[in-house]
Protein backbone atom coordinates (compact mmCIF):
# COMPACT_ATOMS: atom_id res chain seq x y z
CA MET A 1 154.50 105.35 112.54
CA THR A 2 155.45 101.92 111.42
CA PHE A 3 153.45 98.71 110.69
CA THR A 4 153.58 95.62 112.86
CA PRO A 5 152.47 92.38 111.01
CA VAL A 6 150.76 89.73 112.80
CA SER A 7 153.21 87.21 111.27
CA THR A 8 156.29 88.62 113.11
CA GLY A 9 154.95 90.72 115.95
CA GLN A 10 157.68 93.13 115.41
CA PRO A 11 157.43 96.79 114.00
CA VAL A 12 158.71 96.96 110.52
CA LYS A 13 161.78 99.21 110.31
CA ALA A 14 162.92 98.37 106.62
CA VAL A 15 161.27 97.54 103.56
CA LEU A 16 163.62 95.81 101.07
CA PHE A 17 162.43 95.07 97.53
CA ASP A 18 163.06 92.40 95.08
CA VAL A 19 163.91 94.26 92.06
CA PHE A 20 163.80 92.39 88.74
CA GLY A 21 160.10 92.23 87.98
CA THR A 22 159.02 94.03 91.08
CA VAL A 23 160.73 97.33 90.83
CA VAL A 24 161.74 97.29 87.37
CA ASP A 25 160.50 95.95 83.98
CA TRP A 26 163.33 93.54 83.02
CA ARG A 27 161.37 92.12 79.86
CA THR A 28 160.72 95.33 78.17
CA GLY A 29 164.19 96.80 78.91
CA VAL A 30 166.15 93.72 77.89
CA ALA A 31 163.87 93.35 74.63
CA ALA A 32 164.74 96.99 73.57
CA ALA A 33 168.42 96.33 73.99
CA VAL A 34 168.04 93.10 72.00
CA ARG A 35 166.33 94.80 69.17
CA ARG A 36 169.00 97.59 69.13
CA PHE A 37 171.63 94.72 69.15
CA ALA A 38 170.01 92.93 66.30
CA GLY A 39 169.70 96.08 64.27
CA GLU A 40 173.37 96.95 64.58
CA HIS A 41 174.31 93.35 63.47
CA GLY A 42 171.92 92.78 60.72
CA LEU A 43 169.98 90.14 62.55
CA GLU A 44 166.22 89.41 62.87
CA LEU A 45 165.52 88.47 66.66
CA ASP A 46 162.44 88.50 68.75
CA GLY A 47 163.32 90.80 71.60
CA GLY A 48 160.75 89.65 73.91
CA ALA A 49 161.49 85.97 73.21
CA PHE A 50 165.17 86.56 73.51
CA ALA A 51 164.61 88.28 76.79
CA ASP A 52 162.52 85.29 78.09
CA ALA A 53 165.07 82.83 77.02
CA TRP A 54 168.03 84.88 78.87
CA ARG A 55 165.84 85.05 82.00
CA ALA A 56 165.12 81.31 81.77
CA ARG A 57 168.74 80.73 82.48
CA TYR A 58 168.94 82.99 85.55
CA ALA A 59 167.67 80.62 88.12
CA PRO A 60 169.88 77.68 87.00
CA GLY A 61 172.92 79.74 86.88
CA MET A 62 172.50 80.87 90.46
CA ARG A 63 171.44 77.40 91.67
CA ARG A 64 175.02 76.12 90.70
CA VAL A 65 176.56 78.83 93.05
CA ARG A 66 173.91 77.96 95.76
CA ASP A 67 174.60 74.20 95.40
CA GLY A 68 178.56 74.80 95.69
CA GLU A 69 179.13 73.41 91.99
CA ARG A 70 181.12 76.68 91.49
CA PRO A 71 182.35 79.44 93.54
CA PHE A 72 180.41 82.61 93.91
CA ALA A 73 180.25 84.76 90.86
CA PRO A 74 178.42 88.12 90.47
CA LEU A 75 175.24 88.27 88.53
CA ASP A 76 176.95 90.37 85.89
CA VAL A 77 179.14 87.29 85.23
CA LEU A 78 176.28 84.82 85.19
CA HIS A 79 174.26 87.14 82.87
CA ARG A 80 177.20 87.28 80.46
CA GLU A 81 177.73 83.51 80.44
CA ASN A 82 173.95 83.08 79.90
CA LEU A 83 174.04 85.35 77.01
CA ASP A 84 176.44 83.11 75.21
CA GLY A 85 174.16 80.31 75.88
CA VAL A 86 171.06 81.97 74.39
CA LEU A 87 172.92 82.95 71.23
CA ALA A 88 174.42 79.50 71.02
CA ASP A 89 170.80 78.12 71.19
CA LEU A 90 169.90 80.37 68.33
CA GLY A 91 172.69 79.08 66.29
CA LEU A 92 174.80 82.23 66.61
CA ASP A 93 178.52 82.05 67.49
CA PRO A 94 179.08 84.57 70.21
CA GLY A 95 182.60 84.95 68.82
CA ARG A 96 181.37 86.68 65.72
CA PHE A 97 180.19 89.84 67.72
CA GLY A 98 183.32 90.64 69.74
CA PRO A 99 183.49 91.11 73.64
CA ALA A 100 182.82 94.72 73.47
CA ALA A 101 179.31 94.34 71.75
CA LEU A 102 178.31 91.54 74.00
CA GLU A 103 179.29 93.35 77.05
CA GLU A 104 177.32 96.30 76.12
CA LEU A 105 174.37 94.05 75.54
CA ASN A 106 174.86 92.49 78.81
CA ARG A 107 174.81 95.97 80.45
CA ALA A 108 171.15 96.17 79.52
CA TRP A 109 170.44 94.67 82.99
CA HIS A 110 171.99 97.71 84.65
CA TYR A 111 169.56 100.28 82.86
CA LEU A 112 166.08 98.47 83.05
CA PRO A 113 163.09 100.88 83.23
CA PRO A 114 161.34 101.14 86.72
CA TRP A 115 157.63 100.42 86.66
CA PRO A 116 155.90 103.77 86.66
CA ASP A 117 154.94 103.56 90.38
CA SER A 118 158.27 102.48 91.75
CA ALA A 119 160.23 105.79 92.24
CA ALA A 120 157.01 107.54 93.78
CA GLY A 121 156.36 104.64 96.18
CA ILE A 122 159.99 104.16 97.26
CA SER A 123 160.17 107.93 97.95
CA ALA A 124 157.12 107.93 100.08
CA LEU A 125 158.27 105.04 102.16
CA LYS A 126 161.57 106.55 102.98
CA ARG A 127 159.69 108.85 105.38
CA ASP A 128 159.17 106.23 107.67
CA TYR A 129 161.24 103.29 106.72
CA ILE A 130 164.63 102.28 105.58
CA VAL A 131 164.35 101.24 101.89
CA GLY A 132 166.76 99.38 99.71
CA PRO A 133 166.97 96.28 97.23
CA LEU A 134 166.99 92.81 98.57
CA SER A 135 168.08 91.52 95.15
CA ASN A 136 170.29 88.88 93.42
CA GLY A 137 171.93 91.89 91.58
CA ASN A 138 175.36 92.84 92.24
CA THR A 139 176.09 96.22 93.74
CA SER A 140 177.34 98.09 90.64
CA LEU A 141 174.27 96.83 88.60
CA LEU A 142 172.06 97.99 91.31
CA LEU A 143 173.73 101.42 91.69
CA ASP A 144 173.59 102.05 87.94
CA MET A 145 169.88 101.12 87.79
CA ALA A 146 169.04 103.25 90.67
CA LYS A 147 170.94 106.25 89.21
CA ALA A 148 169.33 105.73 85.65
CA GLY A 149 165.76 105.16 86.95
CA GLY A 150 165.86 107.53 89.79
CA LEU A 151 165.15 104.80 92.53
CA PRO A 152 165.84 106.69 95.76
CA TRP A 153 167.19 103.96 97.93
CA ASP A 154 168.81 104.61 101.31
CA LEU A 155 171.30 101.82 100.73
CA ILE A 156 172.39 99.24 98.27
CA LEU A 157 173.48 95.80 99.43
CA GLY A 158 174.16 93.73 96.46
CA SER A 159 174.46 90.01 96.35
CA ASP A 160 178.34 90.45 95.97
CA VAL A 161 177.96 91.94 99.47
CA THR A 162 175.92 89.31 101.10
CA ARG A 163 177.62 86.59 99.02
CA ALA A 164 174.25 84.63 98.72
CA TYR A 165 171.68 84.24 96.14
CA LYS A 166 167.92 83.93 96.83
CA PRO A 167 166.22 81.92 97.91
CA SER A 168 168.86 80.83 100.16
CA ARG A 169 168.31 81.65 103.91
CA GLU A 170 171.46 83.73 104.07
CA ALA A 171 170.42 86.06 101.34
CA TYR A 172 167.72 87.30 103.67
CA LEU A 173 169.48 87.05 107.05
CA ARG A 174 172.78 88.70 106.10
CA PRO A 175 171.13 92.26 105.06
CA ALA A 176 169.32 92.10 108.27
CA ALA A 177 172.48 91.52 110.26
CA LEU A 178 174.25 94.29 108.29
CA LEU A 179 171.58 96.78 109.19
CA GLY A 180 171.56 95.76 112.68
CA LEU A 181 168.00 94.48 112.59
CA GLU A 182 165.95 91.41 113.59
CA PRO A 183 164.81 89.53 110.65
CA GLY A 184 161.13 90.15 111.74
CA GLN A 185 161.81 94.06 111.60
CA ILE A 186 162.47 93.67 107.71
CA MET A 187 159.60 93.43 105.10
CA LEU A 188 160.49 92.02 101.83
CA ALA A 189 158.19 93.50 98.97
CA ALA A 190 158.24 91.15 95.96
CA ALA A 191 156.08 90.21 92.94
CA HIS A 192 157.14 86.49 93.31
CA GLU A 193 155.64 84.22 95.95
CA ASN A 194 158.60 81.81 95.95
CA ASP A 195 160.84 84.73 97.08
CA LEU A 196 158.16 85.79 99.66
CA ALA A 197 157.98 82.18 101.03
CA ALA A 198 161.66 81.98 101.50
CA ALA A 199 161.72 85.31 103.13
CA ARG A 200 158.99 84.28 105.47
CA GLY A 201 160.90 81.12 106.27
CA ALA A 202 163.73 83.27 107.41
CA GLY A 203 161.49 85.24 109.66
CA LEU A 204 160.85 88.29 107.50
CA ALA A 205 157.49 89.98 107.02
CA ALA A 206 156.19 89.73 103.53
CA ALA A 207 154.24 92.05 101.06
CA PHE A 208 153.14 90.87 97.60
CA ILE A 209 153.12 93.44 94.76
CA SER A 210 151.17 92.45 91.73
CA ARG A 211 152.93 92.91 88.39
CA PRO A 212 150.79 91.08 85.85
CA LEU A 213 152.82 92.38 82.88
CA GLU A 214 156.18 91.28 84.09
CA HIS A 215 156.32 88.34 81.44
CA GLY A 216 154.43 90.30 78.87
CA PRO A 217 150.58 90.65 78.33
CA GLY A 218 148.14 87.90 78.02
CA VAL A 219 149.81 85.59 80.69
CA PRO A 220 147.03 83.61 82.49
CA GLY A 221 147.04 84.13 86.06
CA ALA A 222 149.73 86.65 86.08
CA GLY A 223 150.02 89.12 88.98
CA VAL A 224 147.56 87.19 91.15
CA ALA A 225 148.67 85.96 94.65
CA THR A 226 147.80 82.25 95.67
CA GLY A 227 149.21 82.70 99.18
CA SER A 228 148.44 84.82 102.13
CA TRP A 229 150.91 87.63 102.93
CA ASP A 230 151.09 90.33 105.43
CA LEU A 231 150.18 92.82 102.79
CA SER A 232 149.12 92.73 99.34
CA ALA A 233 149.15 95.67 96.88
CA GLY A 234 148.90 96.55 93.20
CA SER A 235 151.87 98.97 93.12
CA VAL A 236 154.66 100.28 95.30
CA THR A 237 152.45 103.31 95.85
CA GLU A 238 149.63 101.37 97.09
CA LEU A 239 152.10 99.58 99.34
CA ALA A 240 153.46 102.86 100.68
CA GLY A 241 149.93 104.08 101.38
CA LEU A 242 149.18 100.77 103.51
CA LEU A 243 152.54 101.01 105.46
CA LEU A 244 152.08 104.74 106.07
CA ALA A 245 148.39 104.29 107.30
CA ARG A 246 147.46 103.99 110.85
CA PRO A 247 148.30 100.41 111.90
CA ASP A 248 144.61 99.55 112.56
CA THR A 249 143.68 100.51 109.11
CA ALA A 250 146.38 98.78 107.03
CA ARG A 251 144.75 96.04 104.77
CA PRO A 252 146.29 92.47 105.10
CA ALA A 253 146.16 90.15 102.18
CA VAL A 254 143.21 88.07 101.56
CA PRO A 255 143.74 84.39 101.98
């Protein structure tokens, strides 16, 4: 039994997920890798602050691709370039560490820990829906993450397949075309309202998942939706419960 959102009027056939922050805890995973790196090289680094600085370069790096300032480059390449930038900002010459050490640190993004509810919720959704990531991550990154974290995707279409970074319209429409579905037959589940707004603009259904600890504890207003979405849930398991419920009992988001 599938859910039909009022916003699209089409039964949902696939639930695709934003990954960084929605399915996995990027900050905790990257901070742990940074602390290991610092210990190996005799450095004193704040793992959380380093992770935040690295993540802050994420959107600007993709924007240059979307704006045509550079050819498409996989997220692994952008993350590696951004790592050099964070080190330089801290007064650390990337050349002192050697490419192997920095590549190992960069691969921390491949092995981020899932939130505790992610694997179980995705597994439950597989019974009635196609499930997969709709992420800016490249395919090898998402595959490693799925294997390490037990994420039971039906398929993985990385940004290197769609050749588009969110929130560009093509990033949402190309997965639909590859799946042979109408945009309105896909629901994006994400913890980020700008992502959901772009997906809705492309004709997809939208479900908000609250992740108040994405940026660490004590962030005011974190995990609270300000918009009205087709569904709103506090976890992937809760979202699965809503989508697997009878159509007339699924709870929409509160405006």
